[in-house]
Amino acid sequence: MRLVIESDRPALVKADPTLVKEIARGHRCFNALLTGQASIAALAEREGVDDRYISTVLPLAFLAPDIVEAILKGAQPADLTATKLVRRIDLALDWTVQKRQLGFG
């Protein structure tokens, strides 16, 4: 849960560690599959999740670089959580469309 309070003062922002962790997992799993180091089943076992979950985080490896950069800076839209991002089944491969879909303007 994330509490958002509007204020005139600039807020200290920190990256959402769960969101960053899931993006890193997506990249790690995609790279392992791409290089033939592991199957989806082996990745699921290694990551401590089920096969379906691995399939849901793989698209995170294709996020636009400026979206990832914003997330690492903690500058993502307030309602963008790891759960919301992982459950996004219609995430476009086109980076411009991704930005719109995820609320980056």
PDB file of N, CA and C in Angstrom:
ATOM      1  N   MET A   1       0.846  -1.164   0.000  1.00  0.00           N
ATOM      2  CA  MET A   1       0.000   0.000   0.000  1.00  0.00           C
ATOM      3  C   MET A   1       0.892   1.226   0.000  1.00  0.00           C
ATOM      4  N   ARG A   2       0.457   2.230  -0.723  1.00  0.00           N
ATOM      5  CA  ARG A   2       1.227   3.465  -0.820  1.00  0.00           C
ATOM      6  C   ARG A   2       0.302   4.633  -0.528  1.00  0.00           C
ATOM      7  N   LEU A   3       0.699   5.496   0.398  1.00  0.00           N
ATOM      8  CA  LEU A   3      -0.074   6.663   0.771  1.00  0.00           C
ATOM      9  C   LEU A   3       0.460   7.863   0.007  1.00  0.00           C
ATOM     10  N   VAL A   4      -0.412   8.560  -0.702  1.00  0.00           N
ATOM     11  CA  VAL A   4      -0.016   9.727  -1.484  1.00  0.00           C
ATOM     12  C   VAL A   4      -0.667  10.953  -0.865  1.00  0.00           C
ATOM     13  N   ILE A   5       0.167  11.912  -0.438  1.00  0.00           N
ATOM     14  CA  ILE A   5      -0.318  13.138   0.184  1.00  0.00           C
ATOM     15  C   ILE A   5       0.191  14.302  -0.654  1.00  0.00           C
ATOM     16  N   GLU A   6      -0.728  15.120  -1.114  1.00  0.00           N
ATOM     17  CA  GLU A   6      -0.341  16.269  -1.925  1.00  0.00           C
ATOM     18  C   GLU A   6       0.173  17.378  -1.013  1.00  0.00           C
ATOM     19  N   SER A   7       1.222  18.067  -1.503  1.00  0.00           N
ATOM     20  CA  SER A   7       1.836  19.134  -0.731  1.00  0.00           C
ATOM     21  C   SER A   7       2.527  20.100  -1.681  1.00  0.00           C
ATOM     22  N   ASP A   8       2.768  21.322  -1.197  1.00  0.00           N
ATOM     23  CA  ASP A   8       3.498  22.303  -1.983  1.00  0.00           C
ATOM     24  C   ASP A   8       5.008  22.055  -1.931  1.00  0.00           C
ATOM     25  N   ARG A   9       5.444  21.338  -0.926  1.00  0.00           N
ATOM     26  CA  ARG A   9       6.867  21.058  -0.775  1.00  0.00           C
ATOM     27  C   ARG A   9       7.258  19.862  -1.641  1.00  0.00           C
ATOM     28  N   PRO A  10       8.445  19.896  -2.242  1.00  0.00           N
ATOM     29  CA  PRO A  10       8.895  18.742  -3.015  1.00  0.00           C
ATOM     30  C   PRO A  10       9.134  17.555  -2.082  1.00  0.00           C
ATOM     31  N   ALA A  11       8.682  16.414  -2.506  1.00  0.00           N
ATOM     32  CA  ALA A  11       8.811  15.221  -1.678  1.00  0.00           C
ATOM     33  C   ALA A  11      10.140  14.526  -1.946  1.00  0.00           C
ATOM     34  N   LEU A  12      10.666  13.909  -0.916  1.00  0.00           N
ATOM     35  CA  LEU A  12      11.834  13.062  -1.101  1.00  0.00           C
ATOM     36  C   LEU A  12      11.321  11.768  -1.718  1.00  0.00           C
ATOM     37  N   VAL A  13      11.845  11.416  -2.852  1.00  0.00           N
ATOM     38  CA  VAL A  13      11.362  10.210  -3.519  1.00  0.00           C
ATOM     39  C   VAL A  13      12.407   9.114  -3.430  1.00  0.00           C
ATOM     40  N   LYS A  14      11.909   7.921  -3.272  1.00  0.00           N
ATOM     41  CA  LYS A  14      12.756   6.747  -3.239  1.00  0.00           C
ATOM     42  C   LYS A  14      12.146   5.722  -4.170  1.00  0.00           C
ATOM     43  N   ALA A  15      12.992   4.941  -4.768  1.00  0.00           N
ATOM     44  CA  ALA A  15      12.518   3.877  -5.643  1.00  0.00           C
ATOM     45  C   ALA A  15      11.719   2.864  -4.825  1.00  0.00           C
ATOM     46  N   ASP A  16      10.678   2.346  -5.436  1.00  0.00           N
ATOM     47  CA  ASP A  16       9.867   1.294  -4.818  1.00  0.00           C
ATOM     48  C   ASP A  16      10.652  -0.012  -4.944  1.00  0.00           C
ATOM     49  N   PRO A  17      11.163  -0.558  -3.831  1.00  0.00           N
ATOM     50  CA  PRO A  17      12.029  -1.736  -3.918  1.00  0.00           C
ATOM     51  C   PRO A  17      11.343  -2.958  -4.535  1.00  0.00           C
ATOM     52  N   THR A  18      10.058  -3.120  -4.311  1.00  0.00           N
ATOM     53  CA  THR A  18       9.347  -4.261  -4.879  1.00  0.00           C
ATOM     54  C   THR A  18       9.217  -4.116  -6.390  1.00  0.00           C
ATOM     55  N   LEU A  19       8.935  -2.927  -6.834  1.00  0.00           N
ATOM     56  CA  LEU A  19       8.825  -2.659  -8.266  1.00  0.00           C
ATOM     57  C   LEU A  19      10.173  -2.880  -8.955  1.00  0.00           C
ATOM     58  N   VAL A  20      11.228  -2.381  -8.361  1.00  0.00           N
ATOM     59  CA  VAL A  20      12.577  -2.562  -8.905  1.00  0.00           C
ATOM     60  C   VAL A  20      12.946  -4.048  -8.927  1.00  0.00           C
ATOM     61  N   LYS A  21      12.613  -4.756  -7.868  1.00  0.00           N
ATOM     62  CA  LYS A  21      12.916  -6.193  -7.772  1.00  0.00           C
ATOM     63  C   LYS A  21      12.244  -6.986  -8.894  1.00  0.00           C
ATOM     64  N   GLU A  22      10.984  -6.670  -9.192  1.00  0.00           N
ATOM     65  CA  GLU A  22      10.263  -7.414 -10.223  1.00  0.00           C
ATOM     66  C   GLU A  22      10.792  -7.099 -11.625  1.00  0.00           C
ATOM     67  N   ILE A  23      11.184  -5.853 -11.852  1.00  0.00           N
ATOM     68  CA  ILE A  23      11.785  -5.512 -13.148  1.00  0.00           C
ATOM     69  C   ILE A  23      13.115  -6.252 -13.301  1.00  0.00           C
ATOM     70  N   ALA A  24      13.901  -6.279 -12.256  1.00  0.00           N
ATOM     71  CA  ALA A  24      15.176  -7.010 -12.294  1.00  0.00           C
ATOM     72  C   ALA A  24      14.926  -8.499 -12.528  1.00  0.00           C
ATOM     73  N   ARG A  25      13.903  -9.051 -11.882  1.00  0.00           N
ATOM     74  CA  ARG A  25      13.568 -10.466 -12.078  1.00  0.00           C
ATOM     75  C   ARG A  25      13.187 -10.723 -13.535  1.00  0.00           C
ATOM     76  N   GLY A  26      12.428  -9.833 -14.127  1.00  0.00           N
ATOM     77  CA  GLY A  26      12.047  -9.978 -15.529  1.00  0.00           C
ATOM     78  C   GLY A  26      13.264 -10.031 -16.430  1.00  0.00           C
ATOM     79  N   HIS A  27      14.212  -9.129 -16.198  1.00  0.00           N
ATOM     80  CA  HIS A  27      15.440  -9.114 -16.996  1.00  0.00           C
ATOM     81  C   HIS A  27      16.275 -10.375 -16.758  1.00  0.00           C
ATOM     82  N   ARG A  28      16.404 -10.760 -15.503  1.00  0.00           N
ATOM     83  CA  ARG A  28      17.204 -11.938 -15.150  1.00  0.00           C
ATOM     84  C   ARG A  28      16.629 -13.194 -15.809  1.00  0.00           C
ATOM     85  N   CYS A  29      15.317 -13.350 -15.732  1.00  0.00           N
ATOM     86  CA  CYS A  29      14.674 -14.535 -16.295  1.00  0.00           C
ATOM     87  C   CYS A  29      14.745 -14.526 -17.820  1.00  0.00           C
ATOM     88  N   PHE A  30      14.506 -13.365 -18.428  1.00  0.00           N
ATOM     89  CA  PHE A  30      14.583 -13.288 -19.878  1.00  0.00           C
ATOM     90  C   PHE A  30      15.987 -13.634 -20.361  1.00  0.00           C
ATOM     91  N   ASN A  31      17.006 -13.084 -19.707  1.00  0.00           N
ATOM     92  CA  ASN A  31      18.387 -13.369 -20.102  1.00  0.00           C
ATOM     93  C   ASN A  31      18.732 -14.846 -19.939  1.00  0.00           C
ATOM     94  N   ALA A  32      18.246 -15.470 -18.882  1.00  0.00           N
ATOM     95  CA  ALA A  32      18.498 -16.904 -18.671  1.00  0.00           C
ATOM     96  C   ALA A  32      17.838 -17.740 -19.769  1.00  0.00           C
ATOM     97  N   LEU A  33      16.636 -17.357 -20.158  1.00  0.00           N
ATOM     98  CA  LEU A  33      15.954 -18.068 -21.243  1.00  0.00           C
ATOM     99  C   LEU A  33      16.661 -17.825 -22.578  1.00  0.00           C
ATOM    100  N   LEU A  34      17.030 -16.601 -22.832  1.00  0.00           N
ATOM    101  CA  LEU A  34      17.652 -16.219 -24.090  1.00  0.00           C
ATOM    102  C   LEU A  34      18.984 -16.940 -24.304  1.00  0.00           C
ATOM    103  N   THR A  35      19.737 -17.079 -23.244  1.00  0.00           N
ATOM    104  CA  THR A  35      21.057 -17.718 -23.340  1.00  0.00           C
ATOM    105  C   THR A  35      20.995 -19.227 -23.149  1.00  0.00           C
ATOM    106  N   GLY A  36      19.804 -19.750 -22.900  1.00  0.00           N
ATOM    107  CA  GLY A  36      19.653 -21.197 -22.735  1.00  0.00           C
ATOM    108  C   GLY A  36      20.135 -21.726 -21.398  1.00  0.00           C
ATOM    109  N   GLN A  37      20.311 -20.842 -20.426  1.00  0.00           N
ATOM    110  CA  GLN A  37      20.800 -21.249 -19.109  1.00  0.00           C
ATOM    111  C   GLN A  37      19.751 -21.979 -18.292  1.00  0.00           C
ATOM    112  N   ALA A  38      18.469 -21.709 -18.583  1.00  0.00           N
ATOM    113  CA  ALA A  38      17.410 -22.318 -17.778  1.00  0.00           C
ATOM    114  C   ALA A  38      16.100 -22.328 -18.547  1.00  0.00           C
ATOM    115  N   SER A  39      15.240 -23.243 -18.177  1.00  0.00           N
ATOM    116  CA  SER A  39      13.876 -23.294 -18.718  1.00  0.00           C
ATOM    117  C   SER A  39      12.969 -22.487 -17.796  1.00  0.00           C
ATOM    118  N   ILE A  40      11.751 -22.283 -18.225  1.00  0.00           N
ATOM    119  CA  ILE A  40      10.793 -21.577 -17.367  1.00  0.00           C
ATOM    120  C   ILE A  40      10.583 -22.351 -16.072  1.00  0.00           C
ATOM    121  N   ALA A  41      10.491 -23.663 -16.161  1.00  0.00           N
ATOM    122  CA  ALA A  41      10.298 -24.478 -14.951  1.00  0.00           C
ATOM    123  C   ALA A  41      11.492 -24.345 -14.005  1.00  0.00           C
ATOM    124  N   ALA A  42      12.702 -24.365 -14.556  1.00  0.00           N
ATOM    125  CA  ALA A  42      13.899 -24.229 -13.715  1.00  0.00           C
ATOM    126  C   ALA A  42      13.968 -22.837 -13.094  1.00  0.00           C
ATOM    127  N   LEU A  43      13.600 -21.823 -13.876  1.00  0.00           N
ATOM    128  CA  LEU A  43      13.582 -20.463 -13.336  1.00  0.00           C
ATOM    129  C   LEU A  43      12.572 -20.334 -12.207  1.00  0.00           C
ATOM    130  N   ALA A  44      11.404 -20.918 -12.405  1.00  0.00           N
ATOM    131  CA  ALA A  44      10.364 -20.860 -11.378  1.00  0.00           C
ATOM    132  C   ALA A  44      10.865 -21.476 -10.076  1.00  0.00           C
ATOM    133  N   GLU A  45      11.520 -22.611 -10.202  1.00  0.00           N
ATOM    134  CA  GLU A  45      12.047 -23.267  -9.007  1.00  0.00           C
ATOM    135  C   GLU A  45      13.125 -22.405  -8.350  1.00  0.00           C
ATOM    136  N   ARG A  46      14.018 -21.878  -9.165  1.00  0.00           N
ATOM    137  CA  ARG A  46      15.112 -21.047  -8.643  1.00  0.00           C
ATOM    138  C   ARG A  46      14.598 -19.759  -8.001  1.00  0.00           C
ATOM    139  N   GLU A  47      13.564 -19.154  -8.601  1.00  0.00           N
ATOM    140  CA  GLU A  47      13.009 -17.898  -8.089  1.00  0.00           C
ATOM    141  C   GLU A  47      12.003 -18.114  -6.956  1.00  0.00           C
ATOM    142  N   GLY A  48      11.580 -19.354  -6.760  1.00  0.00           N
ATOM    143  CA  GLY A  48      10.623 -19.638  -5.692  1.00  0.00           C
ATOM    144  C   GLY A  48       9.199 -19.220  -6.020  1.00  0.00           C
ATOM    145  N   VAL A  49       8.866 -19.275  -7.317  1.00  0.00           N
ATOM    146  CA  VAL A  49       7.527 -18.927  -7.781  1.00  0.00           C
ATOM    147  C   VAL A  49       7.056 -20.018  -8.735  1.00  0.00           C
ATOM    148  N   ASP A  50       5.819 -19.895  -9.232  1.00  0.00           N
ATOM    149  CA  ASP A  50       5.365 -20.904 -10.195  1.00  0.00           C
ATOM    150  C   ASP A  50       5.645 -20.454 -11.628  1.00  0.00           C
ATOM    151  N   ASP A  51       5.471 -21.395 -12.556  1.00  0.00           N
ATOM    152  CA  ASP A  51       5.762 -21.143 -13.975  1.00  0.00           C
ATOM    153  C   ASP A  51       4.986 -19.941 -14.515  1.00  0.00           C
ATOM    154  N   ARG A  52       3.738 -19.839 -14.120  1.00  0.00           N
ATOM    155  CA  ARG A  52       2.902 -18.739 -14.604  1.00  0.00           C
ATOM    156  C   ARG A  52       3.459 -17.386 -14.212  1.00  0.00           C
ATOM    157  N   TYR A  53       3.976 -17.307 -13.003  1.00  0.00           N
ATOM    158  CA  TYR A  53       4.513 -16.034 -12.540  1.00  0.00           C
ATOM    159  C   TYR A  53       5.714 -15.618 -13.377  1.00  0.00           C
ATOM    160  N   ILE A  54       6.567 -16.582 -13.707  1.00  0.00           N
ATOM    161  CA  ILE A  54       7.716 -16.276 -14.565  1.00  0.00           C
ATOM    162  C   ILE A  54       7.217 -15.694 -15.883  1.00  0.00           C
ATOM    163  N   SER A  55       6.181 -16.283 -16.441  1.00  0.00           N
ATOM    164  CA  SER A  55       5.617 -15.788 -17.699  1.00  0.00           C
ATOM    165  C   SER A  55       5.067 -14.374 -17.565  1.00  0.00           C
ATOM    166  N   THR A  56       4.589 -14.013 -16.388  1.00  0.00           N
ATOM    167  CA  THR A  56       4.039 -12.666 -16.211  1.00  0.00           C
ATOM    168  C   THR A  56       5.123 -11.608 -16.007  1.00  0.00           C
ATOM    169  N   VAL A  57       6.294 -12.003 -15.501  1.00  0.00           N
ATOM    170  CA  VAL A  57       7.352 -11.008 -15.307  1.00  0.00           C
ATOM    171  C   VAL A  57       8.248 -10.848 -16.532  1.00  0.00           C
ATOM    172  N   LEU A  58       8.226 -11.797 -17.448  1.00  0.00           N
ATOM    173  CA  LEU A  58       9.075 -11.690 -18.641  1.00  0.00           C
ATOM    174  C   LEU A  58       8.849 -10.405 -19.441  1.00  0.00           C
ATOM    175  N   PRO A  59       7.599  -9.941 -19.626  1.00  0.00           N
ATOM    176  CA  PRO A  59       7.407  -8.697 -20.383  1.00  0.00           C
ATOM    177  C   PRO A  59       8.085  -7.471 -19.752  1.00  0.00           C
ATOM    178  N   LEU A  60       8.414  -7.538 -18.470  1.00  0.00           N
ATOM    179  CA  LEU A  60       9.071  -6.408 -17.819  1.00  0.00           C
ATOM    180  C   LEU A  60      10.475  -6.179 -18.369  1.00  0.00           C
ATOM    181  N   ALA A  61      11.035  -7.186 -19.021  1.00  0.00           N
ATOM    182  CA  ALA A  61      12.342  -7.038 -19.657  1.00  0.00           C
ATOM    183  C   ALA A  61      12.257  -6.129 -20.884  1.00  0.00           C
ATOM    184  N   PHE A  62      11.037  -5.836 -21.326  1.00  0.00           N
ATOM    185  CA  PHE A  62      10.836  -5.029 -22.525  1.00  0.00           C
ATOM    186  C   PHE A  62      10.263  -3.651 -22.225  1.00  0.00           C
ATOM    187  N   LEU A  63      10.364  -3.219 -20.979  1.00  0.00           N
ATOM    188  CA  LEU A  63       9.923  -1.869 -20.636  1.00  0.00           C
ATOM    189  C   LEU A  63      10.843  -0.841 -21.279  1.00  0.00           C
ATOM    190  N   ALA A  64      10.267   0.279 -21.661  1.00  0.00           N
ATOM    191  CA  ALA A  64      11.052   1.372 -22.233  1.00  0.00           C
ATOM    192  C   ALA A  64      12.134   1.797 -21.241  1.00  0.00           C
ATOM    193  N   PRO A  65      13.334   2.046 -21.724  1.00  0.00           N
ATOM    194  CA  PRO A  65      14.421   2.448 -20.821  1.00  0.00           C
ATOM    195  C   PRO A  65      14.092   3.669 -19.964  1.00  0.00           C
ATOM    196  N   ASP A  66      13.369   4.647 -20.522  1.00  0.00           N
ATOM    197  CA  ASP A  66      13.053   5.821 -19.700  1.00  0.00           C
ATOM    198  C   ASP A  66      11.996   5.512 -18.641  1.00  0.00           C
ATOM    199  N   ILE A  67      11.170   4.502 -18.867  1.00  0.00           N
ATOM    200  CA  ILE A  67      10.231   4.058 -17.826  1.00  0.00           C
ATOM    201  C   ILE A  67      11.022   3.424 -16.687  1.00  0.00           C
ATOM    202  N   VAL A  68      11.965   2.560 -17.036  1.00  0.00           N
ATOM    203  CA  VAL A  68      12.794   1.910 -16.015  1.00  0.00           C
ATOM    204  C   VAL A  68      13.584   2.962 -15.239  1.00  0.00           C
ATOM    205  N   GLU A  69      14.141   3.922 -15.951  1.00  0.00           N
ATOM    206  CA  GLU A  69      14.902   4.989 -15.298  1.00  0.00           C
ATOM    207  C   GLU A  69      14.032   5.769 -14.315  1.00  0.00           C
ATOM    208  N   ALA A  70      12.826   6.104 -14.736  1.00  0.00           N
ATOM    209  CA  ALA A  70      11.903   6.831 -13.858  1.00  0.00           C
ATOM    210  C   ALA A  70      11.584   6.006 -12.612  1.00  0.00           C
ATOM    211  N   ILE A  71      11.350   4.711 -12.801  1.00  0.00           N
ATOM    212  CA  ILE A  71      11.046   3.833 -11.667  1.00  0.00           C
ATOM    213  C   ILE A  71      12.235   3.764 -10.713  1.00  0.00           C
ATOM    214  N   LEU A  72      13.443   3.676 -11.256  1.00  0.00           N
ATOM    215  CA  LEU A  72      14.643   3.627 -10.410  1.00  0.00           C
ATOM    216  C   LEU A  72      14.838   4.920  -9.621  1.00  0.00           C
ATOM    217  N   LYS A  73      14.325   6.024 -10.157  1.00  0.00           N
ATOM    218  CA  LYS A  73      14.410   7.320  -9.459  1.00  0.00           C
ATOM    219  C   LYS A  73      13.222   7.530  -8.519  1.00  0.00           C
ATOM    220  N   GLY A  74      12.235   6.633  -8.575  1.00  0.00           N
ATOM    221  CA  GLY A  74      11.037   6.798  -7.756  1.00  0.00           C
ATOM    222  C   GLY A  74      10.065   7.788  -8.362  1.00  0.00           C
ATOM    223  N   ALA A  75      10.187   8.039  -9.669  1.00  0.00           N
ATOM    224  CA  ALA A  75       9.372   9.059 -10.337  1.00  0.00           C
ATOM    225  C   ALA A  75       8.235   8.460 -11.157  1.00  0.00           C
ATOM    226  N   GLN A  76       7.826   7.245 -10.842  1.00  0.00           N
ATOM    227  CA  GLN A  76       6.704   6.626 -11.550  1.00  0.00           C
ATOM    228  C   GLN A  76       5.384   7.193 -11.029  1.00  0.00           C
ATOM    229  N   PRO A  77       4.309   7.038 -11.816  1.00  0.00           N
ATOM    230  CA  PRO A  77       2.997   7.483 -11.320  1.00  0.00           C
ATOM    231  C   PRO A  77       2.689   6.826  -9.971  1.00  0.00           C
ATOM    232  N   ALA A  78       2.022   7.559  -9.108  1.00  0.00           N
ATOM    233  CA  ALA A  78       1.750   7.092  -7.745  1.00  0.00           C
ATOM    234  C   ALA A  78       1.004   5.770  -7.703  1.00  0.00           C
ATOM    235  N   ASP A  79       0.173   5.506  -8.716  1.00  0.00           N
ATOM    236  CA  ASP A  79      -0.612   4.268  -8.689  1.00  0.00           C
ATOM    237  C   ASP A  79       0.070   3.088  -9.370  1.00  0.00           C
ATOM    238  N   LEU A  80       1.299   3.262  -9.838  1.00  0.00           N
ATOM    239  CA  LEU A  80       2.002   2.157 -10.490  1.00  0.00           C
ATOM    240  C   LEU A  80       2.741   1.340  -9.443  1.00  0.00           C
ATOM    241  N   THR A  81       2.220   0.172  -9.170  1.00  0.00           N
ATOM    242  CA  THR A  81       2.817  -0.735  -8.190  1.00  0.00           C
ATOM    243  C   THR A  81       3.353  -1.965  -8.910  1.00  0.00           C
ATOM    244  N   ALA A  82       4.142  -2.757  -8.210  1.00  0.00           N
ATOM    245  CA  ALA A  82       4.665  -3.995  -8.783  1.00  0.00           C
ATOM    246  C   ALA A  82       3.520  -4.925  -9.164  1.00  0.00           C
ATOM    247  N   THR A  83       2.538  -5.053  -8.316  1.00  0.00           N
ATOM    248  CA  THR A  83       1.404  -5.926  -8.595  1.00  0.00           C
ATOM    249  C   THR A  83       0.675  -5.478  -9.847  1.00  0.00           C
ATOM    250  N   LYS A  84       0.422  -4.188  -9.964  1.00  0.00           N
ATOM    251  CA  LYS A  84      -0.280  -3.670 -11.133  1.00  0.00           C
ATOM    252  C   LYS A  84       0.538  -3.899 -12.400  1.00  0.00           C
ATOM    253  N   LEU A  85       1.842  -3.694 -12.323  1.00  0.00           N
ATOM    254  CA  LEU A  85       2.690  -3.854 -13.493  1.00  0.00           C
ATOM    255  C   LEU A  85       2.794  -5.325 -13.913  1.00  0.00           C
ATOM    256  N   VAL A  86       2.974  -6.211 -12.964  1.00  0.00           N
ATOM    257  CA  VAL A  86       3.100  -7.633 -13.274  1.00  0.00           C
ATOM    258  C   VAL A  86       1.795  -8.196 -13.836  1.00  0.00           C
ATOM    259  N   ARG A  87       0.688  -7.726 -13.332  1.00  0.00           N
ATOM    260  CA  ARG A  87      -0.617  -8.225 -13.799  1.00  0.00           C
ATOM    261  C   ARG A  87      -1.060  -7.609 -15.123  1.00  0.00           C
ATOM    262  N   ARG A  88      -0.309  -6.670 -15.633  1.00  0.00           N
ATOM    263  CA  ARG A  88      -0.661  -5.987 -16.879  1.00  0.00           C
ATOM    264  C   ARG A  88      -0.451  -6.945 -18.048  1.00  0.00           C
ATOM    265  N   ILE A  89      -1.518  -7.528 -18.556  1.00  0.00           N
ATOM    266  CA  ILE A  89      -1.391  -8.527 -19.618  1.00  0.00           C
ATOM    267  C   ILE A  89      -1.362  -7.915 -21.007  1.00  0.00           C
ATOM    268  N   ASP A  90      -1.716  -6.652 -21.115  1.00  0.00           N
ATOM    269  CA  ASP A  90      -1.779  -6.014 -22.429  1.00  0.00           C
ATOM    270  C   ASP A  90      -0.646  -5.007 -22.637  1.00  0.00           C
ATOM    271  N   LEU A  91       0.471  -5.181 -21.960  1.00  0.00           N
ATOM    272  CA  LEU A  91       1.575  -4.237 -22.061  1.00  0.00           C
ATOM    273  C   LEU A  91       2.133  -4.248 -23.485  1.00  0.00           C
ATOM    274  N   ALA A  92       2.085  -3.106 -24.126  1.00  0.00           N
ATOM    275  CA  ALA A  92       2.537  -2.975 -25.511  1.00  0.00           C
ATOM    276  C   ALA A  92       4.058  -3.079 -25.595  1.00  0.00           C
ATOM    277  N   LEU A  93       4.541  -3.520 -26.745  1.00  0.00           N
ATOM    278  CA  LEU A  93       5.981  -3.522 -26.986  1.00  0.00           C
ATOM    279  C   LEU A  93       6.460  -2.153 -27.451  1.00  0.00           C
ATOM    280  N   ASP A  94       5.569  -1.371 -28.021  1.00  0.00           N
ATOM    281  CA  ASP A  94       5.891  -0.016 -28.474  1.00  0.00           C
ATOM    282  C   ASP A  94       6.078   0.878 -27.240  1.00  0.00           C
ATOM    283  N   TRP A  95       7.239   1.483 -27.113  1.00  0.00           N
ATOM    284  CA  TRP A  95       7.562   2.249 -25.910  1.00  0.00           C
ATOM    285  C   TRP A  95       6.681   3.471 -25.727  1.00  0.00           C
ATOM    286  N   THR A  96       6.279   4.106 -26.799  1.00  0.00           N
ATOM    287  CA  THR A  96       5.389   5.264 -26.690  1.00  0.00           C
ATOM    288  C   THR A  96       4.037   4.839 -26.128  1.00  0.00           C
ATOM    289  N   VAL A  97       3.532   3.722 -26.600  1.00  0.00           N
ATOM    290  CA  VAL A  97       2.254   3.195 -26.109  1.00  0.00           C
ATOM    291  C   VAL A  97       2.405   2.761 -24.651  1.00  0.00           C
ATOM    292  N   GLN A  98       3.521   2.133 -24.299  1.00  0.00           N
ATOM    293  CA  GLN A  98       3.761   1.737 -22.903  1.00  0.00           C
ATOM    294  C   GLN A  98       3.651   2.943 -21.976  1.00  0.00           C
ATOM    295  N   LYS A  99       4.286   4.031 -22.354  1.00  0.00           N
ATOM    296  CA  LYS A  99       4.261   5.235 -21.525  1.00  0.00           C
ATOM    297  C   LYS A  99       2.842   5.693 -21.264  1.00  0.00           C
ATOM    298  N   ARG A 100       2.035   5.688 -22.307  1.00  0.00           N
ATOM    299  CA  ARG A 100       0.627   6.080 -22.166  1.00  0.00           C
ATOM    300  C   ARG A 100      -0.117   5.077 -21.283  1.00  0.00           C
ATOM    301  N   GLN A 101       0.084   3.769 -21.536  1.00  0.00           N
ATOM    302  CA  GLN A 101      -0.604   2.741 -20.763  1.00  0.00           C
ATOM    303  C   GLN A 101      -0.294   2.829 -19.267  1.00  0.00           C
ATOM    304  N   LEU A 102       0.938   3.164 -18.949  1.00  0.00           N
ATOM    305  CA  LEU A 102       1.368   3.160 -17.556  1.00  0.00           C
ATOM    306  C   LEU A 102       1.287   4.526 -16.883  1.00  0.00           C
ATOM    307  N   GLY A 103       0.796   5.527 -17.610  1.00  0.00           N
ATOM    308  CA  GLY A 103       0.583   6.839 -17.009  1.00  0.00           C
ATOM    309  C   GLY A 103       1.792   7.748 -16.966  1.00  0.00           C
ATOM    310  N   PHE A 104       2.739   7.524 -17.876  1.00  0.00           N
ATOM    311  CA  PHE A 104       3.917   8.380 -17.923  1.00  0.00           C
ATOM    312  C   PHE A 104       3.750   9.573 -18.861  1.00  0.00           C
ATOM    313  N   GLY A 105       2.543   9.772 -19.370  1.00  0.00           N
ATOM    314  CA  GLY A 105       2.249  10.952 -20.174  1.00  0.00           C
ATOM    315  C   GLY A 105       2.492  10.846 -21.615  1.00  0.00           C
TER     316      GLY A 105
END
